[in-house]
N, C-alpha and C. Protein backbone atom coordinates (compact mmCIF):
# COMPACT_ATOMS: atom_id res chain seq x y z
N UNK A 1 -9.96 50.35 37.69
CA UNK A 1 -10.03 51.35 36.64
C UNK A 1 -10.11 50.58 35.30
N UNK A 2 -10.85 51.20 34.39
CA UNK A 2 -11.02 50.63 33.05
C UNK A 2 -9.83 50.99 32.18
N UNK A 3 -9.29 50.00 31.48
CA UNK A 3 -8.17 50.20 30.58
C UNK A 3 -8.66 49.92 29.19
N UNK A 4 -8.51 50.90 28.31
CA UNK A 4 -8.91 50.76 26.90
C UNK A 4 -7.83 49.98 26.15
N UNK A 5 -8.23 48.93 25.43
CA UNK A 5 -7.30 48.20 24.64
C UNK A 5 -7.87 46.87 24.16
N UNK A 6 -7.03 46.12 23.46
CA UNK A 6 -7.45 44.84 22.86
C UNK A 6 -6.43 43.79 23.29
N UNK A 7 -6.91 42.60 23.60
CA UNK A 7 -5.97 41.55 24.05
C UNK A 7 -4.91 41.37 22.98
N UNK A 8 -3.68 41.09 23.46
CA UNK A 8 -2.51 41.12 22.63
C UNK A 8 -2.58 40.16 21.43
N UNK A 9 -3.08 38.98 21.60
CA UNK A 9 -3.15 38.03 20.49
C UNK A 9 -4.10 38.51 19.39
N UNK A 10 -5.28 39.03 19.79
CA UNK A 10 -6.22 39.58 18.84
C UNK A 10 -5.68 40.80 18.15
N UNK A 11 -5.01 41.68 18.96
CA UNK A 11 -4.42 42.89 18.40
C UNK A 11 -3.39 42.57 17.32
N UNK A 12 -2.51 41.60 17.62
CA UNK A 12 -1.45 41.23 16.67
C UNK A 12 -2.06 40.72 15.37
N UNK A 13 -3.06 39.91 15.47
CA UNK A 13 -3.73 39.37 14.24
C UNK A 13 -4.45 40.46 13.48
N UNK A 14 -5.22 41.28 14.21
CA UNK A 14 -6.01 42.33 13.53
C UNK A 14 -5.12 43.40 12.87
N UNK A 15 -3.98 43.71 13.52
CA UNK A 15 -3.07 44.72 12.97
C UNK A 15 -2.01 44.10 12.08
N UNK A 16 -2.13 42.80 11.81
CA UNK A 16 -1.19 42.10 10.92
C UNK A 16 0.26 42.33 11.41
N UNK A 17 0.46 42.22 12.72
CA UNK A 17 1.77 42.48 13.33
C UNK A 17 2.81 41.47 12.80
N UNK A 18 3.94 42.01 12.39
CA UNK A 18 5.01 41.08 11.95
C UNK A 18 5.75 40.55 13.16
N UNK A 19 6.72 39.70 12.91
CA UNK A 19 7.47 39.04 14.00
C UNK A 19 8.14 40.08 14.91
N UNK A 20 8.76 41.11 14.29
CA UNK A 20 9.48 42.11 15.08
C UNK A 20 8.50 42.86 15.99
N UNK A 21 7.32 43.20 15.52
CA UNK A 21 6.32 43.90 16.33
C UNK A 21 5.82 43.05 17.50
N UNK A 22 5.61 41.76 17.21
CA UNK A 22 5.14 40.85 18.26
C UNK A 22 6.20 40.72 19.36
N UNK A 23 7.44 40.57 18.94
CA UNK A 23 8.53 40.43 19.90
C UNK A 23 8.69 41.72 20.71
N UNK A 24 8.61 42.86 20.06
CA UNK A 24 8.73 44.16 20.73
C UNK A 24 7.62 44.30 21.84
N UNK A 25 6.40 43.94 21.51
CA UNK A 25 5.32 43.99 22.51
C UNK A 25 5.63 43.04 23.65
N UNK A 26 6.07 41.84 23.30
CA UNK A 26 6.36 40.82 24.30
C UNK A 26 7.48 41.28 25.25
N UNK A 27 8.52 41.91 24.71
CA UNK A 27 9.61 42.42 25.55
C UNK A 27 9.10 43.43 26.55
N UNK A 28 8.15 44.29 26.14
CA UNK A 28 7.58 45.27 27.05
C UNK A 28 6.80 44.60 28.16
N UNK A 29 6.10 43.54 27.83
CA UNK A 29 5.36 42.77 28.87
C UNK A 29 6.36 42.14 29.81
N UNK A 30 7.45 41.60 29.29
CA UNK A 30 8.49 41.01 30.14
C UNK A 30 9.04 42.10 31.12
N UNK A 31 9.20 43.32 30.65
CA UNK A 31 9.69 44.36 31.52
C UNK A 31 8.69 44.67 32.62
N UNK A 32 7.38 44.64 32.32
CA UNK A 32 6.36 44.89 33.34
C UNK A 32 6.37 43.75 34.39
N UNK A 33 6.51 42.51 33.92
CA UNK A 33 6.59 41.40 34.83
C UNK A 33 7.85 41.48 35.69
N UNK A 34 8.95 41.85 35.05
CA UNK A 34 10.22 42.01 35.82
C UNK A 34 10.04 43.07 36.91
N UNK A 35 9.35 44.16 36.61
CA UNK A 35 9.09 45.21 37.58
C UNK A 35 8.33 44.64 38.77
N UNK A 36 7.30 43.86 38.49
CA UNK A 36 6.50 43.23 39.57
C UNK A 36 7.36 42.28 40.37
N UNK A 37 8.16 41.46 39.69
CA UNK A 37 9.04 40.50 40.39
C UNK A 37 10.03 41.19 41.27
N UNK A 38 10.56 42.33 40.83
CA UNK A 38 11.54 43.10 41.64
C UNK A 38 10.91 43.57 42.93
N UNK A 39 9.59 43.66 42.95
CA UNK A 39 8.82 44.07 44.15
C UNK A 39 8.21 42.87 44.83
N UNK A 40 8.70 41.67 44.48
CA UNK A 40 8.28 40.42 45.07
C UNK A 40 6.83 40.08 44.83
N UNK A 41 6.28 40.52 43.67
CA UNK A 41 4.90 40.20 43.31
C UNK A 41 4.93 39.24 42.13
N UNK A 42 4.22 38.12 42.29
CA UNK A 42 3.99 37.23 41.14
C UNK A 42 2.56 37.35 40.70
N UNK A 43 2.36 37.43 39.40
CA UNK A 43 1.05 37.62 38.82
C UNK A 43 0.16 36.40 38.95
N UNK A 44 0.68 35.23 38.58
CA UNK A 44 0.04 33.92 38.65
C UNK A 44 -1.07 33.68 37.61
N UNK A 45 -1.36 34.62 36.74
CA UNK A 45 -2.40 34.36 35.73
C UNK A 45 -2.07 35.15 34.44
N UNK A 46 -0.85 35.01 33.99
CA UNK A 46 -0.46 35.71 32.74
C UNK A 46 -1.04 34.94 31.55
N UNK A 47 -1.74 35.70 30.69
CA UNK A 47 -2.38 35.14 29.50
C UNK A 47 -2.75 36.31 28.61
N UNK A 48 -3.03 36.06 27.34
CA UNK A 48 -3.34 37.18 26.44
C UNK A 48 -4.54 38.05 26.90
N UNK A 49 -5.52 37.46 27.53
CA UNK A 49 -6.69 38.23 27.98
C UNK A 49 -6.29 39.24 29.08
N UNK A 50 -5.15 39.03 29.74
CA UNK A 50 -4.68 39.93 30.78
C UNK A 50 -3.58 40.88 30.27
N UNK A 51 -3.39 40.90 28.96
CA UNK A 51 -2.41 41.78 28.34
C UNK A 51 -3.12 42.51 27.22
N UNK A 52 -3.38 43.79 27.42
CA UNK A 52 -4.08 44.59 26.40
C UNK A 52 -3.07 45.50 25.68
N UNK A 53 -3.35 45.77 24.42
CA UNK A 53 -2.55 46.76 23.66
C UNK A 53 -3.44 47.94 23.40
N UNK A 54 -2.96 49.11 23.78
CA UNK A 54 -3.80 50.34 23.69
C UNK A 54 -3.62 51.00 22.30
N UNK A 55 -4.26 52.13 22.14
CA UNK A 55 -4.25 52.86 20.83
C UNK A 55 -2.89 53.35 20.47
N UNK A 56 -2.01 53.48 21.42
CA UNK A 56 -0.63 53.95 21.16
C UNK A 56 0.35 52.78 20.94
N UNK A 57 -0.21 51.56 20.78
CA UNK A 57 0.61 50.33 20.57
C UNK A 57 1.41 49.94 21.79
N UNK A 58 0.92 50.33 22.97
CA UNK A 58 1.62 50.00 24.20
C UNK A 58 0.83 48.91 24.94
N UNK A 59 1.54 47.83 25.33
CA UNK A 59 0.88 46.78 26.07
C UNK A 59 0.69 47.15 27.55
N UNK A 60 -0.42 46.68 28.10
CA UNK A 60 -0.77 46.92 29.50
C UNK A 60 -1.03 45.60 30.18
N UNK A 61 -0.35 45.35 31.29
CA UNK A 61 -0.56 44.10 32.03
C UNK A 61 -1.65 44.34 33.06
N UNK A 62 -2.67 43.50 33.03
CA UNK A 62 -3.86 43.67 33.85
C UNK A 62 -4.10 42.50 34.79
N UNK A 63 -5.10 42.67 35.62
CA UNK A 63 -5.68 41.63 36.44
C UNK A 63 -4.68 40.95 37.40
N UNK A 64 -4.35 41.68 38.42
CA UNK A 64 -3.49 41.14 39.46
C UNK A 64 -4.36 40.54 40.56
N UNK A 65 -5.57 40.10 40.19
CA UNK A 65 -6.54 39.60 41.17
C UNK A 65 -6.07 38.38 41.98
N UNK A 66 -5.27 37.51 41.38
CA UNK A 66 -4.74 36.38 42.14
C UNK A 66 -3.24 36.50 42.36
N UNK A 67 -2.74 37.71 42.13
CA UNK A 67 -1.30 37.94 42.36
C UNK A 67 -0.96 37.68 43.82
N UNK A 68 0.31 37.45 44.07
CA UNK A 68 0.74 37.13 45.43
C UNK A 68 2.04 37.81 45.73
N UNK A 69 2.16 38.29 46.95
CA UNK A 69 3.39 38.90 47.39
C UNK A 69 4.27 37.81 48.00
N UNK A 70 5.47 37.63 47.41
CA UNK A 70 6.38 36.64 47.91
C UNK A 70 7.03 37.13 49.23
N UNK A 71 7.18 36.27 50.18
CA UNK A 71 7.78 36.59 51.47
C UNK A 71 9.23 36.10 51.45
N UNK A 72 10.01 36.70 52.27
CA UNK A 72 11.41 36.23 52.41
C UNK A 72 11.51 35.00 53.31
N UNK A 73 10.50 34.75 54.09
CA UNK A 73 10.54 33.64 55.04
C UNK A 73 10.46 32.30 54.30
N UNK A 74 11.24 31.30 54.71
CA UNK A 74 11.18 29.98 54.08
C UNK A 74 9.80 29.40 54.18
N UNK A 75 9.36 28.78 53.12
CA UNK A 75 8.06 28.14 53.08
C UNK A 75 6.89 29.10 52.90
N UNK A 76 7.16 30.38 52.67
CA UNK A 76 6.09 31.35 52.56
C UNK A 76 5.62 31.54 51.11
N UNK A 77 6.20 30.76 50.20
CA UNK A 77 5.81 30.92 48.78
C UNK A 77 4.35 30.59 48.57
N UNK A 78 3.77 31.25 47.60
CA UNK A 78 2.39 31.05 47.26
C UNK A 78 2.20 29.66 46.68
N UNK A 79 0.99 29.14 46.79
CA UNK A 79 0.60 27.94 46.05
C UNK A 79 -0.72 28.27 45.36
N UNK A 80 -1.04 27.50 44.37
CA UNK A 80 -2.29 27.73 43.68
C UNK A 80 -3.35 26.83 44.38
N UNK A 81 -4.36 27.52 44.87
CA UNK A 81 -5.43 26.81 45.59
C UNK A 81 -6.74 27.01 44.84
N UNK A 82 -7.59 26.03 44.98
CA UNK A 82 -8.95 26.10 44.38
C UNK A 82 -8.92 26.40 42.91
N UNK A 83 -7.92 25.95 42.21
CA UNK A 83 -7.83 26.09 40.76
C UNK A 83 -7.88 27.54 40.32
N UNK A 84 -7.35 28.46 41.08
CA UNK A 84 -7.31 29.86 40.73
C UNK A 84 -6.22 30.10 39.73
N UNK A 85 -6.46 29.65 38.51
CA UNK A 85 -5.49 29.75 37.41
C UNK A 85 -6.20 29.51 36.10
N UNK A 86 -5.55 29.89 35.03
CA UNK A 86 -6.02 29.55 33.71
C UNK A 86 -5.13 28.39 33.26
N UNK A 87 -5.66 27.17 33.25
CA UNK A 87 -4.87 25.95 33.01
C UNK A 87 -4.03 26.02 31.73
N UNK A 88 -4.54 26.59 30.70
CA UNK A 88 -3.79 26.61 29.42
C UNK A 88 -2.46 27.36 29.54
N UNK A 89 -2.35 28.26 30.52
CA UNK A 89 -1.14 29.04 30.71
C UNK A 89 -0.42 28.71 32.01
N UNK A 90 -0.96 27.75 32.77
CA UNK A 90 -0.43 27.41 34.09
C UNK A 90 0.89 26.73 33.99
N UNK A 91 1.76 26.99 34.98
CA UNK A 91 3.06 26.32 35.07
C UNK A 91 2.89 24.93 35.70
N UNK A 92 3.88 24.08 35.53
CA UNK A 92 3.80 22.77 36.17
C UNK A 92 3.55 22.83 37.70
N UNK A 93 4.22 23.75 38.36
CA UNK A 93 4.03 23.86 39.82
C UNK A 93 2.63 24.30 40.19
N UNK A 94 1.97 25.08 39.34
CA UNK A 94 0.58 25.45 39.58
C UNK A 94 -0.31 24.24 39.46
N UNK A 95 -0.08 23.45 38.42
CA UNK A 95 -0.90 22.25 38.18
C UNK A 95 -0.78 21.31 39.36
N UNK A 96 0.45 21.15 39.87
CA UNK A 96 0.68 20.21 40.97
C UNK A 96 0.43 20.79 42.35
N UNK A 97 0.09 22.07 42.44
CA UNK A 97 -0.18 22.69 43.75
C UNK A 97 1.05 22.86 44.59
N UNK A 98 2.22 22.99 43.95
CA UNK A 98 3.44 23.19 44.63
C UNK A 98 3.70 24.70 44.92
N UNK A 99 4.72 25.02 45.75
CA UNK A 99 5.04 26.42 45.98
C UNK A 99 5.37 27.15 44.68
N UNK A 100 4.93 28.41 44.59
CA UNK A 100 5.13 29.18 43.38
C UNK A 100 6.17 30.27 43.62
N UNK A 101 6.81 30.67 42.55
CA UNK A 101 7.78 31.74 42.59
C UNK A 101 7.73 32.48 41.27
N UNK A 102 8.74 33.29 41.02
CA UNK A 102 8.77 34.06 39.80
C UNK A 102 8.85 33.17 38.58
N UNK A 103 9.39 31.97 38.68
CA UNK A 103 9.46 31.04 37.57
C UNK A 103 8.03 30.69 37.03
N UNK A 104 7.02 30.78 37.90
CA UNK A 104 5.66 30.54 37.49
C UNK A 104 5.24 31.50 36.40
N UNK A 105 5.51 32.77 36.61
CA UNK A 105 5.17 33.81 35.62
C UNK A 105 6.04 33.63 34.36
N UNK A 106 7.28 33.28 34.52
CA UNK A 106 8.17 33.11 33.37
C UNK A 106 7.66 32.01 32.49
N UNK A 107 7.23 30.90 33.08
CA UNK A 107 6.66 29.81 32.28
C UNK A 107 5.42 30.27 31.51
N UNK A 108 4.53 31.00 32.20
CA UNK A 108 3.32 31.53 31.55
C UNK A 108 3.64 32.47 30.42
N UNK A 109 4.68 33.31 30.62
CA UNK A 109 5.14 34.20 29.53
C UNK A 109 5.60 33.39 28.34
N UNK A 110 6.27 32.26 28.58
CA UNK A 110 6.69 31.40 27.50
C UNK A 110 5.50 30.87 26.68
N UNK A 111 4.41 30.52 27.38
CA UNK A 111 3.20 30.07 26.70
C UNK A 111 2.60 31.19 25.87
N UNK A 112 2.57 32.38 26.41
CA UNK A 112 2.05 33.56 25.67
C UNK A 112 2.91 33.80 24.43
N UNK A 113 4.21 33.77 24.57
CA UNK A 113 5.09 33.94 23.42
C UNK A 113 4.87 32.85 22.39
N UNK A 114 4.79 31.62 22.82
CA UNK A 114 4.51 30.48 21.95
C UNK A 114 3.25 30.75 21.13
N UNK A 115 2.22 31.19 21.81
CA UNK A 115 0.93 31.46 21.13
C UNK A 115 1.04 32.64 20.12
N UNK A 116 1.76 33.69 20.53
CA UNK A 116 1.98 34.81 19.61
C UNK A 116 2.72 34.41 18.36
N UNK A 117 3.63 33.44 18.48
CA UNK A 117 4.45 33.02 17.36
C UNK A 117 3.81 31.92 16.55
N UNK A 118 3.19 30.95 17.20
CA UNK A 118 2.66 29.78 16.51
C UNK A 118 1.15 29.89 16.17
N UNK A 119 0.46 30.77 16.85
CA UNK A 119 -0.98 30.90 16.60
C UNK A 119 -1.82 29.94 17.40
N UNK A 120 -1.20 29.16 18.27
CA UNK A 120 -1.93 28.25 19.17
C UNK A 120 -1.06 28.03 20.40
N UNK A 121 -1.70 27.48 21.43
CA UNK A 121 -0.93 27.20 22.65
C UNK A 121 -0.28 25.81 22.54
N UNK A 122 0.75 25.55 23.36
CA UNK A 122 1.48 24.29 23.23
C UNK A 122 0.67 23.02 23.31
N UNK A 123 -0.42 23.01 24.12
CA UNK A 123 -1.18 21.79 24.32
C UNK A 123 -2.59 21.85 23.81
N UNK A 124 -2.88 22.78 22.91
CA UNK A 124 -4.23 22.91 22.36
C UNK A 124 -4.68 21.68 21.59
N UNK A 125 -3.76 20.93 21.08
CA UNK A 125 -4.11 19.76 20.27
C UNK A 125 -4.65 18.60 21.10
N UNK A 126 -4.44 18.67 22.43
CA UNK A 126 -4.94 17.60 23.31
C UNK A 126 -6.44 17.80 23.54
N UNK A 127 -7.17 16.73 23.68
CA UNK A 127 -8.63 16.81 23.66
C UNK A 127 -9.30 17.14 24.98
N UNK A 128 -8.65 17.02 26.12
CA UNK A 128 -9.31 17.30 27.41
C UNK A 128 -8.43 18.11 28.31
N UNK A 129 -9.08 18.76 29.29
CA UNK A 129 -8.32 19.50 30.30
C UNK A 129 -7.37 18.60 31.04
N UNK A 130 -7.84 17.42 31.34
CA UNK A 130 -7.00 16.43 32.06
C UNK A 130 -5.77 16.11 31.26
N UNK A 131 -5.92 15.82 29.98
CA UNK A 131 -4.73 15.54 29.15
C UNK A 131 -3.80 16.73 29.03
N UNK A 132 -4.38 17.91 28.94
CA UNK A 132 -3.54 19.10 28.86
C UNK A 132 -2.75 19.31 30.19
N UNK A 133 -3.44 19.12 31.32
CA UNK A 133 -2.77 19.28 32.62
C UNK A 133 -1.67 18.24 32.75
N UNK A 134 -1.91 17.01 32.35
CA UNK A 134 -0.90 15.97 32.43
C UNK A 134 0.29 16.23 31.50
N UNK A 135 0.08 16.93 30.41
CA UNK A 135 1.15 17.24 29.48
C UNK A 135 1.99 18.41 29.98
N UNK A 136 1.40 19.32 30.71
CA UNK A 136 2.15 20.50 31.21
C UNK A 136 3.24 20.10 32.19
N UNK A 137 2.95 19.17 33.10
CA UNK A 137 3.87 18.80 34.13
C UNK A 137 5.20 18.30 33.60
N UNK A 138 5.23 17.31 32.68
CA UNK A 138 6.57 16.86 32.18
C UNK A 138 7.13 17.81 31.15
N UNK A 139 6.35 18.72 30.62
CA UNK A 139 6.88 19.74 29.70
C UNK A 139 7.27 19.23 28.32
N UNK A 140 6.58 18.23 27.81
CA UNK A 140 6.81 17.74 26.47
C UNK A 140 6.16 18.69 25.46
N UNK A 141 6.91 19.65 24.99
CA UNK A 141 6.33 20.72 24.17
C UNK A 141 6.72 20.54 22.71
N UNK A 142 5.69 20.62 21.86
CA UNK A 142 5.94 20.57 20.42
C UNK A 142 6.49 21.92 19.98
N UNK A 143 7.59 21.93 19.20
CA UNK A 143 8.15 23.20 18.74
C UNK A 143 7.08 24.05 18.04
N UNK A 144 7.07 25.36 18.34
CA UNK A 144 6.05 26.24 17.73
C UNK A 144 6.03 26.19 16.21
N UNK A 145 7.14 25.99 15.56
CA UNK A 145 7.14 25.94 14.10
C UNK A 145 6.33 24.77 13.63
N UNK A 146 6.38 23.61 14.29
CA UNK A 146 5.58 22.48 13.90
C UNK A 146 4.14 22.71 14.22
N UNK A 147 3.81 23.26 15.38
CA UNK A 147 2.42 23.57 15.75
C UNK A 147 1.79 24.52 14.74
N UNK A 148 2.56 25.55 14.37
CA UNK A 148 2.06 26.52 13.37
C UNK A 148 1.79 25.84 12.05
N UNK A 149 2.68 24.93 11.65
CA UNK A 149 2.54 24.22 10.37
C UNK A 149 1.36 23.28 10.41
N UNK A 150 1.12 22.61 11.56
CA UNK A 150 0.08 21.60 11.70
C UNK A 150 -1.27 22.17 12.15
N UNK A 151 -1.30 23.47 12.48
CA UNK A 151 -2.54 24.07 13.01
C UNK A 151 -3.63 24.00 11.95
N UNK A 152 -4.89 23.94 12.43
CA UNK A 152 -5.99 23.93 11.49
C UNK A 152 -5.92 25.16 10.56
N UNK A 153 -6.23 24.93 9.32
CA UNK A 153 -6.16 26.00 8.33
C UNK A 153 -7.30 27.01 8.56
N UNK A 154 -6.94 28.24 8.68
CA UNK A 154 -7.92 29.32 8.80
C UNK A 154 -7.37 30.47 7.97
N UNK A 155 -8.20 31.36 7.55
CA UNK A 155 -7.66 32.46 6.72
C UNK A 155 -6.68 33.32 7.53
N UNK A 156 -5.48 33.48 6.99
CA UNK A 156 -4.49 34.32 7.60
C UNK A 156 -3.84 35.16 6.55
N UNK A 157 -3.31 36.27 6.96
CA UNK A 157 -2.66 37.21 6.08
C UNK A 157 -1.28 36.73 5.73
N UNK A 158 -0.62 37.36 4.74
CA UNK A 158 0.74 37.04 4.37
C UNK A 158 1.67 37.28 5.55
N UNK A 159 1.43 38.36 6.31
CA UNK A 159 2.27 38.68 7.45
C UNK A 159 2.15 37.57 8.52
N UNK A 160 0.93 37.14 8.80
CA UNK A 160 0.72 36.04 9.76
C UNK A 160 1.40 34.77 9.31
N UNK A 161 1.34 34.48 8.02
CA UNK A 161 2.03 33.28 7.50
C UNK A 161 3.53 33.43 7.71
N UNK A 162 4.08 34.61 7.45
CA UNK A 162 5.52 34.79 7.62
C UNK A 162 5.93 34.73 9.05
N UNK A 163 5.08 35.24 9.99
CA UNK A 163 5.35 35.15 11.39
C UNK A 163 5.44 33.69 11.79
N UNK A 164 4.59 32.88 11.21
CA UNK A 164 4.55 31.46 11.56
C UNK A 164 5.67 30.65 10.95
N UNK A 165 6.41 31.23 10.02
CA UNK A 165 7.64 30.60 9.52
C UNK A 165 8.79 31.12 10.38
N UNK A 166 8.81 30.72 11.60
CA UNK A 166 9.69 31.23 12.63
C UNK A 166 11.10 30.71 12.50
N UNK A 167 12.06 31.60 12.79
CA UNK A 167 13.46 31.20 12.74
C UNK A 167 13.71 30.07 13.75
N UNK A 168 14.46 29.05 13.29
CA UNK A 168 14.72 27.87 14.11
C UNK A 168 15.34 28.24 15.44
N UNK A 169 16.26 29.19 15.47
CA UNK A 169 16.90 29.56 16.74
C UNK A 169 15.91 30.09 17.75
N UNK A 170 14.96 30.93 17.30
CA UNK A 170 13.95 31.45 18.17
C UNK A 170 13.06 30.37 18.71
N UNK A 171 12.64 29.46 17.83
CA UNK A 171 11.80 28.35 18.24
C UNK A 171 12.48 27.52 19.32
N UNK A 172 13.73 27.16 19.05
CA UNK A 172 14.47 26.34 20.03
C UNK A 172 14.65 27.05 21.36
N UNK A 173 14.82 28.35 21.31
CA UNK A 173 14.98 29.12 22.56
C UNK A 173 13.72 29.04 23.37
N UNK A 174 12.56 29.24 22.75
CA UNK A 174 11.26 29.19 23.45
C UNK A 174 11.04 27.80 24.03
N UNK A 175 11.19 26.76 23.24
CA UNK A 175 10.95 25.40 23.69
C UNK A 175 11.92 25.01 24.80
N UNK A 176 13.18 25.34 24.62
CA UNK A 176 14.17 24.94 25.64
C UNK A 176 13.92 25.70 26.96
N UNK A 177 13.53 26.95 26.90
CA UNK A 177 13.24 27.72 28.12
C UNK A 177 12.05 27.08 28.85
N UNK A 178 11.04 26.72 28.13
CA UNK A 178 9.88 26.09 28.77
C UNK A 178 10.25 24.70 29.31
N UNK A 179 11.07 23.98 28.60
CA UNK A 179 11.47 22.65 29.04
C UNK A 179 12.25 22.77 30.38
N UNK A 180 13.12 23.76 30.45
CA UNK A 180 13.93 23.95 31.66
C UNK A 180 13.01 24.37 32.84
N UNK A 181 12.04 25.22 32.54
CA UNK A 181 11.06 25.64 33.59
C UNK A 181 10.31 24.45 34.11
N UNK A 182 9.89 23.56 33.23
CA UNK A 182 9.10 22.42 33.60
C UNK A 182 9.89 21.47 34.47
N UNK A 183 11.21 21.42 34.30
CA UNK A 183 12.09 20.51 35.05
C UNK A 183 12.41 21.03 36.44
N UNK A 184 12.18 22.31 36.71
CA UNK A 184 12.53 22.90 38.00
C UNK A 184 11.47 22.63 39.04
C-alpha cells in the first residue's frame, strides 16, 4: 500500500522542526519499533528513508521487506546475508554477519537520532564504504555536537542551527548508548 509522507530527515529540515519536535517524532518511531519487537519482529533496515512523516505530523515506519521474525529456539536468530542492509545505518553485528536481535534495530535507531540531531551520520566523514564499515564495528563515534559543528557549511535556518547546539547530556546519552550497543 502507498503511504503518503516525506522522509523524516527531510521533513524536519523543511518544516524547520525544533529539537522538541524532532525528539517527539523519534519517540513515536521508537514506540512503533517496540511494538514490532514485542511481536518478535526485527526490522533490520531502519533509516530515514523508511520513516515517513504524514500530513498530520505522524511518523510511519515502512519497508519491512528484510524484517525477520525472531524464534525462541537457540541459534535461530537472523543474520544479515548478501548485504541486505543499508551500511550507513547497520549495526556492528550486521556488518560482521553475526546473529541479529532487537539490539540491531536499537543501534540503527541511534544512528537515525544522531542524524536528526547532528545533520549527518556518525561515519559520513570517512571516505569509503570499507572505512565506514570498519568504524562501525568498534563503535568509535564522534559526539553529534562535534559532528554538527564540523559539518560542511550549508544554508540552514535559525531553528536548525539551534537544534545542532545540542544539550551535552543528550549528546552523551546518544553516544554512550551506541557505544554500549557496539560492545555487545
